[in-house]
Amino acid sequence: MLLSQGQISDYKGAARMIDALPKTKALLGDKGYDAYWFRNALAARKITACIPSKAERKVFIPTIRFSTASVIVLL
């Protein structure tokens, strides 16, 4: 478990725990985790990012729907 300060952005907190992620097929996260570097880090670990695009994203990335027991959820 990673606890961070309330004012820290989601993806900065994700940077601290990316190496500690267990083996999984997909990661569900909210728009706060929408960052190219985070999506690329997940892809390098063969983890499907199920993260909706932020409204200000210039290139929209569709959210992938994933249904399996091997999923991590970030809130």
Protein backbone atom coordinates (compact mmCIF):
# COMPACT_ATOMS: atom_id res chain seq x y z
CA MET A 1 0.00 0.00 0.00
CA LEU A 2 1.21 3.48 -0.86
CA LEU A 3 -0.12 6.47 1.04
CA SER A 4 0.69 9.91 -0.29
CA GLN A 5 -0.18 13.46 0.67
CA GLY A 6 -3.63 14.61 -0.38
CA GLN A 7 -2.29 17.38 -2.60
CA ILE A 8 0.04 15.14 -4.61
CA SER A 9 -1.18 14.29 -8.10
CA ASP A 10 -2.17 10.69 -8.83
CA TYR A 11 0.47 10.07 -11.47
CA LYS A 12 3.28 11.35 -9.23
CA GLY A 13 2.16 8.85 -6.61
CA ALA A 14 2.08 6.20 -9.33
CA ALA A 15 5.73 6.92 -10.13
CA ARG A 16 6.63 5.82 -6.61
CA MET A 17 4.85 2.50 -6.86
CA ILE A 18 5.31 1.46 -10.49
CA ASP A 19 8.18 -0.90 -9.67
CA ALA A 20 6.19 -2.52 -6.85
CA LEU A 21 3.17 -3.46 -8.97
CA PRO A 22 2.36 -7.16 -8.79
CA LYS A 23 2.07 -9.20 -11.97
CA THR A 24 -1.30 -8.41 -13.53
CA LYS A 25 -2.99 -8.09 -16.90
CA ALA A 26 -4.64 -4.71 -16.50
CA LEU A 27 -4.68 -1.60 -14.36
CA LEU A 28 -7.85 0.44 -13.84
CA GLY A 29 -7.32 4.07 -12.97
CA ASP A 30 -9.12 7.38 -13.13
CA LYS A 31 -8.17 10.38 -15.29
CA GLY A 32 -5.59 11.44 -12.72
CA TYR A 33 -3.37 8.59 -13.96
CA ASP A 34 -3.56 9.68 -17.62
CA ALA A 35 0.06 10.39 -18.53
CA TYR A 36 2.09 9.11 -21.49
CA TRP A 37 5.02 8.04 -19.32
CA PHE A 38 2.69 6.03 -17.02
CA ARG A 39 0.93 4.33 -19.93
CA ASN A 40 4.33 3.51 -21.48
CA ALA A 41 5.66 2.15 -18.18
CA LEU A 42 2.62 -0.12 -17.90
CA ALA A 43 2.99 -1.26 -21.53
CA ALA A 44 6.65 -2.11 -20.88
CA ARG A 45 5.43 -4.43 -18.12
CA LYS A 46 2.75 -5.87 -20.44
CA ILE A 47 -0.04 -4.32 -18.35
CA THR A 48 -3.08 -2.97 -20.20
CA ALA A 49 -3.93 0.58 -19.07
CA CYS A 50 -7.68 1.05 -18.58
CA ILE A 51 -7.49 4.79 -17.96
CA PRO A 52 -9.84 7.38 -19.51
CA SER A 53 -8.22 10.33 -21.29
CA LYS A 54 -8.14 13.74 -19.63
CA ALA A 55 -10.37 16.35 -21.24
CA GLU A 56 -7.36 18.50 -22.22
CA ARG A 57 -5.53 15.64 -23.99
CA LYS A 58 -4.81 16.66 -27.60
CA VAL A 59 -4.84 13.07 -28.86
CA PHE A 60 -7.74 11.14 -27.32
CA ILE A 61 -6.90 7.59 -26.21
CA PRO A 62 -9.98 5.35 -26.05
CA THR A 63 -10.55 3.52 -22.78
CA ILE A 64 -10.06 -0.22 -23.10
CA ARG A 65 -12.70 -2.31 -21.39
CA PHE A 66 -11.14 -5.23 -19.56
CA SER A 67 -12.83 -8.01 -17.64
CA THR A 68 -10.68 -10.40 -15.65
CA ALA A 69 -9.81 -11.39 -12.10
CA SER A 70 -6.23 -10.19 -12.60
CA VAL A 71 -6.75 -6.42 -12.43
CA ILE A 72 -5.33 -3.71 -10.16
CA VAL A 73 -7.55 -0.75 -9.32
CA LEU A 74 -6.08 2.65 -8.43
CA LEU A 75 -8.39 5.09 -6.66
